[in-house]
């Protein structure tokens, strides 16, 4: 009788944890799948911009800051409209600020304001 109660309690406690972990794994794999699709060569510059936008946003969602900074820095060297470059600078500033690099983040924010 004690074993049945014990197993029931353990089952009740572990079921929500299992469901939450399963949900996180599915969410992570979905983001990784989107990242793989976005890494394919696009045919036009608009599709390229959309793919790159998705790529760095996926890195930010997964808190892979180094990869996100790398992608954003690559995009700063491309010829994009000024509003897109402002968005890239602002995203770099946010990442740096989240990682306590406030002095460097301020420089990127100043680029946005100028």
N, C-alpha and C. Protein backbone atom coordinates (compact mmCIF):
# COMPACT_ATOMS: atom_id res chain seq x y z
N UNK A 1 0.81 -1.19 0.00
CA UNK A 1 0.00 0.00 0.00
C UNK A 1 0.86 1.27 0.00
N UNK A 2 1.93 1.26 0.80
CA UNK A 2 2.82 2.42 0.87
C UNK A 2 3.51 2.63 -0.47
N UNK A 3 3.88 1.54 -1.13
CA UNK A 3 4.56 1.65 -2.43
C UNK A 3 3.64 2.28 -3.47
N UNK A 4 2.38 1.93 -3.46
CA UNK A 4 1.43 2.49 -4.43
C UNK A 4 1.25 3.98 -4.18
N UNK A 5 1.14 4.39 -2.93
CA UNK A 5 0.99 5.81 -2.59
C UNK A 5 2.26 6.56 -2.99
N UNK A 6 3.41 5.98 -2.67
CA UNK A 6 4.69 6.60 -3.02
C UNK A 6 4.82 6.79 -4.53
N UNK A 7 4.53 5.76 -5.29
CA UNK A 7 4.63 5.85 -6.74
C UNK A 7 3.61 6.83 -7.31
N UNK A 8 2.44 6.89 -6.72
CA UNK A 8 1.43 7.87 -7.18
C UNK A 8 1.90 9.29 -6.94
N UNK A 9 2.47 9.56 -5.77
CA UNK A 9 2.96 10.90 -5.46
C UNK A 9 4.12 11.27 -6.38
N UNK A 10 5.04 10.35 -6.59
CA UNK A 10 6.17 10.61 -7.50
C UNK A 10 5.65 10.86 -8.91
N UNK A 11 4.69 10.09 -9.35
CA UNK A 11 4.10 10.30 -10.68
C UNK A 11 3.43 11.65 -10.81
N UNK A 12 2.72 12.06 -9.77
CA UNK A 12 2.04 13.37 -9.78
C UNK A 12 3.07 14.50 -9.81
N UNK A 13 4.17 14.34 -9.09
CA UNK A 13 5.20 15.38 -9.06
C UNK A 13 6.00 15.44 -10.36
N UNK A 14 6.26 14.32 -10.97
CA UNK A 14 7.12 14.30 -12.15
C UNK A 14 6.38 14.59 -13.45
N UNK A 15 5.09 14.40 -13.50
CA UNK A 15 4.34 14.64 -14.73
C UNK A 15 4.42 16.08 -15.20
N UNK A 16 4.19 17.10 -14.36
CA UNK A 16 4.32 18.48 -14.86
C UNK A 16 5.74 18.83 -15.29
N UNK A 17 6.72 18.31 -14.55
CA UNK A 17 8.12 18.58 -14.92
C UNK A 17 8.41 17.98 -16.28
N UNK A 18 7.95 16.77 -16.51
CA UNK A 18 8.16 16.12 -17.80
C UNK A 18 7.48 16.89 -18.92
N UNK A 19 6.26 17.36 -18.69
CA UNK A 19 5.55 18.12 -19.71
C UNK A 19 6.25 19.44 -20.02
N UNK A 20 6.73 20.13 -18.99
CA UNK A 20 7.43 21.40 -19.21
C UNK A 20 8.72 21.17 -19.98
N UNK A 21 9.48 20.16 -19.61
CA UNK A 21 10.73 19.88 -20.33
C UNK A 21 10.47 19.46 -21.77
N UNK A 22 9.43 18.69 -22.00
CA UNK A 22 9.08 18.30 -23.36
C UNK A 22 8.70 19.51 -24.19
N UNK A 23 7.94 20.43 -23.60
CA UNK A 23 7.56 21.66 -24.30
C UNK A 23 8.80 22.48 -24.65
N UNK A 24 9.75 22.59 -23.73
CA UNK A 24 10.96 23.36 -23.99
C UNK A 24 11.80 22.72 -25.09
N UNK A 25 11.89 21.41 -25.10
CA UNK A 25 12.66 20.72 -26.14
C UNK A 25 12.01 20.94 -27.51
N UNK A 26 10.69 20.85 -27.57
CA UNK A 26 9.99 21.08 -28.84
C UNK A 26 10.19 22.51 -29.30
N UNK A 27 10.08 23.47 -28.39
CA UNK A 27 10.27 24.89 -28.72
C UNK A 27 11.70 25.14 -29.22
N UNK A 28 12.68 24.56 -28.53
CA UNK A 28 14.08 24.74 -28.94
C UNK A 28 14.32 24.13 -30.32
N UNK A 29 13.80 22.92 -30.56
CA UNK A 29 13.99 22.28 -31.86
C UNK A 29 13.29 23.05 -32.97
N UNK A 30 12.14 23.64 -32.68
CA UNK A 30 11.45 24.47 -33.67
C UNK A 30 12.29 25.68 -34.03
N UNK A 31 12.86 26.35 -33.02
CA UNK A 31 13.73 27.50 -33.29
C UNK A 31 14.98 27.09 -34.06
N UNK A 32 15.52 25.93 -33.74
CA UNK A 32 16.69 25.44 -34.45
C UNK A 32 16.34 25.12 -35.90
N UNK A 33 15.15 24.57 -36.13
CA UNK A 33 14.69 24.29 -37.48
C UNK A 33 14.53 25.57 -38.27
N UNK A 34 13.95 26.59 -37.65
CA UNK A 34 13.83 27.90 -38.31
C UNK A 34 15.19 28.47 -38.63
N UNK A 35 16.14 28.27 -37.73
CA UNK A 35 17.50 28.76 -37.95
C UNK A 35 18.14 28.04 -39.13
N UNK A 36 17.91 26.74 -39.24
CA UNK A 36 18.47 26.00 -40.36
C UNK A 36 17.85 26.45 -41.68
N UNK A 37 16.54 26.70 -41.69
CA UNK A 37 15.90 27.19 -42.90
C UNK A 37 16.40 28.58 -43.26
N UNK A 38 16.66 29.39 -42.25
CA UNK A 38 17.09 30.76 -42.53
C UNK A 38 18.53 30.81 -43.02
N UNK A 39 19.29 29.75 -42.81
CA UNK A 39 20.68 29.77 -43.25
C UNK A 39 20.82 29.40 -44.73
N UNK A 40 19.72 29.00 -45.37
CA UNK A 40 19.77 28.70 -46.80
C UNK A 40 19.96 29.98 -47.60
N UNK A 41 20.58 29.86 -48.76
CA UNK A 41 20.79 31.03 -49.62
C UNK A 41 19.44 31.50 -50.15
N UNK A 42 19.21 32.78 -50.06
CA UNK A 42 17.96 33.34 -50.57
C UNK A 42 18.18 33.90 -51.97
N UNK A 43 17.09 34.09 -52.69
CA UNK A 43 17.19 34.54 -54.07
C UNK A 43 17.22 36.05 -54.21
N UNK A 44 16.56 36.75 -53.30
CA UNK A 44 16.53 38.21 -53.40
C UNK A 44 17.05 38.82 -52.12
N UNK A 45 17.35 40.11 -52.18
CA UNK A 45 17.86 40.80 -50.99
C UNK A 45 16.80 40.88 -49.91
N UNK A 46 15.54 40.98 -50.27
CA UNK A 46 14.46 41.07 -49.28
C UNK A 46 14.38 39.76 -48.50
N UNK A 47 14.42 38.64 -49.22
CA UNK A 47 14.40 37.36 -48.53
C UNK A 47 15.65 37.19 -47.67
N UNK A 48 16.79 37.68 -48.17
CA UNK A 48 18.03 37.61 -47.41
C UNK A 48 17.89 38.38 -46.10
N UNK A 49 17.32 39.57 -46.18
CA UNK A 49 17.13 40.39 -44.99
C UNK A 49 16.20 39.70 -44.00
N UNK A 50 15.12 39.11 -44.50
CA UNK A 50 14.18 38.41 -43.63
C UNK A 50 14.85 37.22 -42.95
N UNK A 51 15.65 36.47 -43.71
CA UNK A 51 16.34 35.32 -43.14
C UNK A 51 17.35 35.75 -42.08
N UNK A 52 18.12 36.80 -42.37
CA UNK A 52 19.10 37.27 -41.40
C UNK A 52 18.41 37.79 -40.15
N UNK A 53 17.30 38.48 -40.34
CA UNK A 53 16.54 39.01 -39.21
C UNK A 53 16.07 37.85 -38.33
N UNK A 54 15.57 36.80 -38.95
CA UNK A 54 15.13 35.62 -38.21
C UNK A 54 16.30 34.94 -37.53
N UNK A 55 17.44 34.91 -38.19
CA UNK A 55 18.60 34.22 -37.65
C UNK A 55 19.08 34.87 -36.36
N UNK A 56 19.29 36.18 -36.38
CA UNK A 56 19.80 36.80 -35.15
C UNK A 56 18.74 36.84 -34.06
N UNK A 57 17.46 36.93 -34.42
CA UNK A 57 16.41 36.90 -33.40
C UNK A 57 16.33 35.52 -32.74
N UNK A 58 16.57 34.47 -33.51
CA UNK A 58 16.57 33.12 -32.93
C UNK A 58 17.74 32.97 -31.97
N UNK A 59 18.90 33.50 -32.35
CA UNK A 59 20.04 33.45 -31.44
C UNK A 59 19.74 34.21 -30.15
N UNK A 60 19.08 35.35 -30.26
CA UNK A 60 18.75 36.15 -29.07
C UNK A 60 17.76 35.39 -28.20
N UNK A 61 16.76 34.75 -28.81
CA UNK A 61 15.78 33.98 -28.03
C UNK A 61 16.45 32.85 -27.27
N UNK A 62 17.44 32.23 -27.89
CA UNK A 62 18.13 31.12 -27.24
C UNK A 62 19.28 31.59 -26.37
N UNK A 63 19.43 32.93 -26.23
CA UNK A 63 20.47 33.55 -25.41
C UNK A 63 21.87 33.11 -25.83
N UNK A 64 22.06 32.97 -27.12
CA UNK A 64 23.37 32.70 -27.69
C UNK A 64 23.93 34.05 -28.16
N UNK A 65 24.40 34.82 -27.17
CA UNK A 65 24.76 36.22 -27.41
C UNK A 65 25.89 36.38 -28.41
N UNK A 66 26.89 35.52 -28.35
CA UNK A 66 28.04 35.66 -29.24
C UNK A 66 27.62 35.48 -30.69
N UNK A 67 26.81 34.47 -30.96
CA UNK A 67 26.35 34.24 -32.33
C UNK A 67 25.47 35.40 -32.82
N UNK A 68 24.61 35.90 -31.93
CA UNK A 68 23.75 37.03 -32.31
C UNK A 68 24.58 38.27 -32.63
N UNK A 69 25.59 38.54 -31.80
CA UNK A 69 26.47 39.69 -32.06
C UNK A 69 27.23 39.52 -33.37
N UNK A 70 27.67 38.30 -33.63
CA UNK A 70 28.40 38.04 -34.88
C UNK A 70 27.51 38.31 -36.09
N UNK A 71 26.27 37.80 -36.06
CA UNK A 71 25.36 38.01 -37.18
C UNK A 71 25.02 39.49 -37.35
N UNK A 72 24.77 40.17 -36.24
CA UNK A 72 24.43 41.59 -36.33
C UNK A 72 25.61 42.41 -36.84
N UNK A 73 26.81 42.07 -36.40
CA UNK A 73 28.00 42.80 -36.86
C UNK A 73 28.23 42.57 -38.35
N UNK A 74 27.97 41.36 -38.82
CA UNK A 74 28.08 41.10 -40.27
C UNK A 74 27.09 41.96 -41.04
N UNK A 75 25.89 42.12 -40.49
CA UNK A 75 24.87 42.89 -41.18
C UNK A 75 25.18 44.38 -41.21
N UNK A 76 25.93 44.87 -40.22
CA UNK A 76 26.31 46.28 -40.22
C UNK A 76 27.23 46.63 -41.38
N UNK A 77 27.95 45.64 -41.89
CA UNK A 77 28.88 45.88 -42.99
C UNK A 77 28.21 45.79 -44.36
N UNK A 78 26.95 45.40 -44.39
CA UNK A 78 26.21 45.30 -45.66
C UNK A 78 25.56 46.64 -46.00
N UNK A 79 25.11 46.77 -47.22
CA UNK A 79 24.41 47.98 -47.66
C UNK A 79 22.91 47.81 -47.45
N UNK A 80 22.43 48.29 -46.32
CA UNK A 80 21.01 48.23 -45.99
C UNK A 80 20.49 49.65 -45.81
N UNK A 81 19.18 49.82 -45.85
CA UNK A 81 18.61 51.15 -45.56
C UNK A 81 18.97 51.58 -44.14
N UNK A 82 18.97 52.88 -43.92
CA UNK A 82 19.41 53.44 -42.64
C UNK A 82 18.56 52.95 -41.48
N UNK A 83 17.25 52.76 -41.71
CA UNK A 83 16.39 52.29 -40.60
C UNK A 83 16.74 50.86 -40.19
N UNK A 84 17.18 50.05 -41.14
CA UNK A 84 17.58 48.68 -40.80
C UNK A 84 18.90 48.69 -40.03
N UNK A 85 19.83 49.56 -40.43
CA UNK A 85 21.10 49.67 -39.71
C UNK A 85 20.88 50.18 -38.28
N UNK A 86 19.91 51.08 -38.11
CA UNK A 86 19.58 51.57 -36.77
C UNK A 86 19.05 50.42 -35.92
N UNK A 87 18.23 49.57 -36.52
CA UNK A 87 17.70 48.42 -35.79
C UNK A 87 18.82 47.47 -35.37
N UNK A 88 19.79 47.24 -36.26
CA UNK A 88 20.92 46.37 -35.92
C UNK A 88 21.74 46.97 -34.78
N UNK A 89 22.03 48.28 -34.85
CA UNK A 89 22.79 48.94 -33.78
C UNK A 89 22.05 48.86 -32.45
N UNK A 90 20.75 49.07 -32.49
CA UNK A 90 19.96 49.01 -31.26
C UNK A 90 19.97 47.60 -30.68
N UNK A 91 19.86 46.58 -31.53
CA UNK A 91 19.88 45.19 -31.05
C UNK A 91 21.23 44.86 -30.43
N UNK A 92 22.32 45.33 -31.04
CA UNK A 92 23.65 45.10 -30.47
C UNK A 92 23.75 45.78 -29.11
N UNK A 93 23.24 47.01 -29.01
CA UNK A 93 23.26 47.71 -27.73
C UNK A 93 22.48 46.97 -26.65
N UNK A 94 21.33 46.42 -27.01
CA UNK A 94 20.53 45.67 -26.03
C UNK A 94 21.27 44.43 -25.55
N UNK A 95 21.90 43.71 -26.48
CA UNK A 95 22.64 42.50 -26.09
C UNK A 95 23.78 42.86 -25.16
N UNK A 96 24.53 43.89 -25.51
CA UNK A 96 25.65 44.30 -24.67
C UNK A 96 25.18 44.77 -23.30
N UNK A 97 24.07 45.48 -23.27
CA UNK A 97 23.53 45.95 -21.99
C UNK A 97 23.06 44.78 -21.12
N UNK A 98 22.46 43.77 -21.74
CA UNK A 98 22.02 42.59 -20.99
C UNK A 98 23.19 41.84 -20.38
N UNK A 99 24.36 41.95 -21.00
CA UNK A 99 25.54 41.25 -20.50
C UNK A 99 26.47 42.17 -19.72
N UNK A 100 25.94 43.29 -19.25
CA UNK A 100 26.65 44.25 -18.39
C UNK A 100 27.84 44.92 -19.06
N UNK A 101 27.77 45.12 -20.36
CA UNK A 101 28.77 45.91 -21.07
C UNK A 101 28.14 47.27 -21.40
N UNK A 102 27.81 48.00 -20.36
CA UNK A 102 27.03 49.24 -20.52
C UNK A 102 27.79 50.32 -21.27
N UNK A 103 29.10 50.43 -21.05
CA UNK A 103 29.88 51.48 -21.72
C UNK A 103 29.89 51.27 -23.23
N UNK A 104 30.08 50.03 -23.66
CA UNK A 104 30.10 49.75 -25.10
C UNK A 104 28.68 49.87 -25.67
N UNK A 105 27.69 49.45 -24.90
CA UNK A 105 26.30 49.56 -25.35
C UNK A 105 25.92 51.01 -25.59
N UNK A 106 26.43 51.90 -24.75
CA UNK A 106 26.14 53.33 -24.91
C UNK A 106 26.65 53.85 -26.25
N UNK A 107 27.79 53.35 -26.69
CA UNK A 107 28.33 53.77 -28.00
C UNK A 107 27.39 53.36 -29.14
N UNK A 108 26.83 52.16 -29.05
CA UNK A 108 25.90 51.72 -30.09
C UNK A 108 24.59 52.50 -30.02
N UNK A 109 24.13 52.82 -28.81
CA UNK A 109 22.93 53.64 -28.69
C UNK A 109 23.17 55.04 -29.24
N UNK A 110 24.38 55.57 -29.05
CA UNK A 110 24.69 56.90 -29.60
C UNK A 110 24.68 56.88 -31.12
N UNK A 111 25.10 55.77 -31.72
CA UNK A 111 25.03 55.65 -33.18
C UNK A 111 23.58 55.70 -33.66
N UNK A 112 22.69 55.14 -32.85
CA UNK A 112 21.26 55.15 -33.20
C UNK A 112 20.72 56.58 -33.15
N UNK A 113 21.13 57.32 -32.14
CA UNK A 113 20.60 58.68 -31.95
C UNK A 113 21.21 59.69 -32.91
N UNK A 114 22.34 59.38 -33.50
CA UNK A 114 22.99 60.34 -34.42
C UNK A 114 22.62 60.12 -35.84
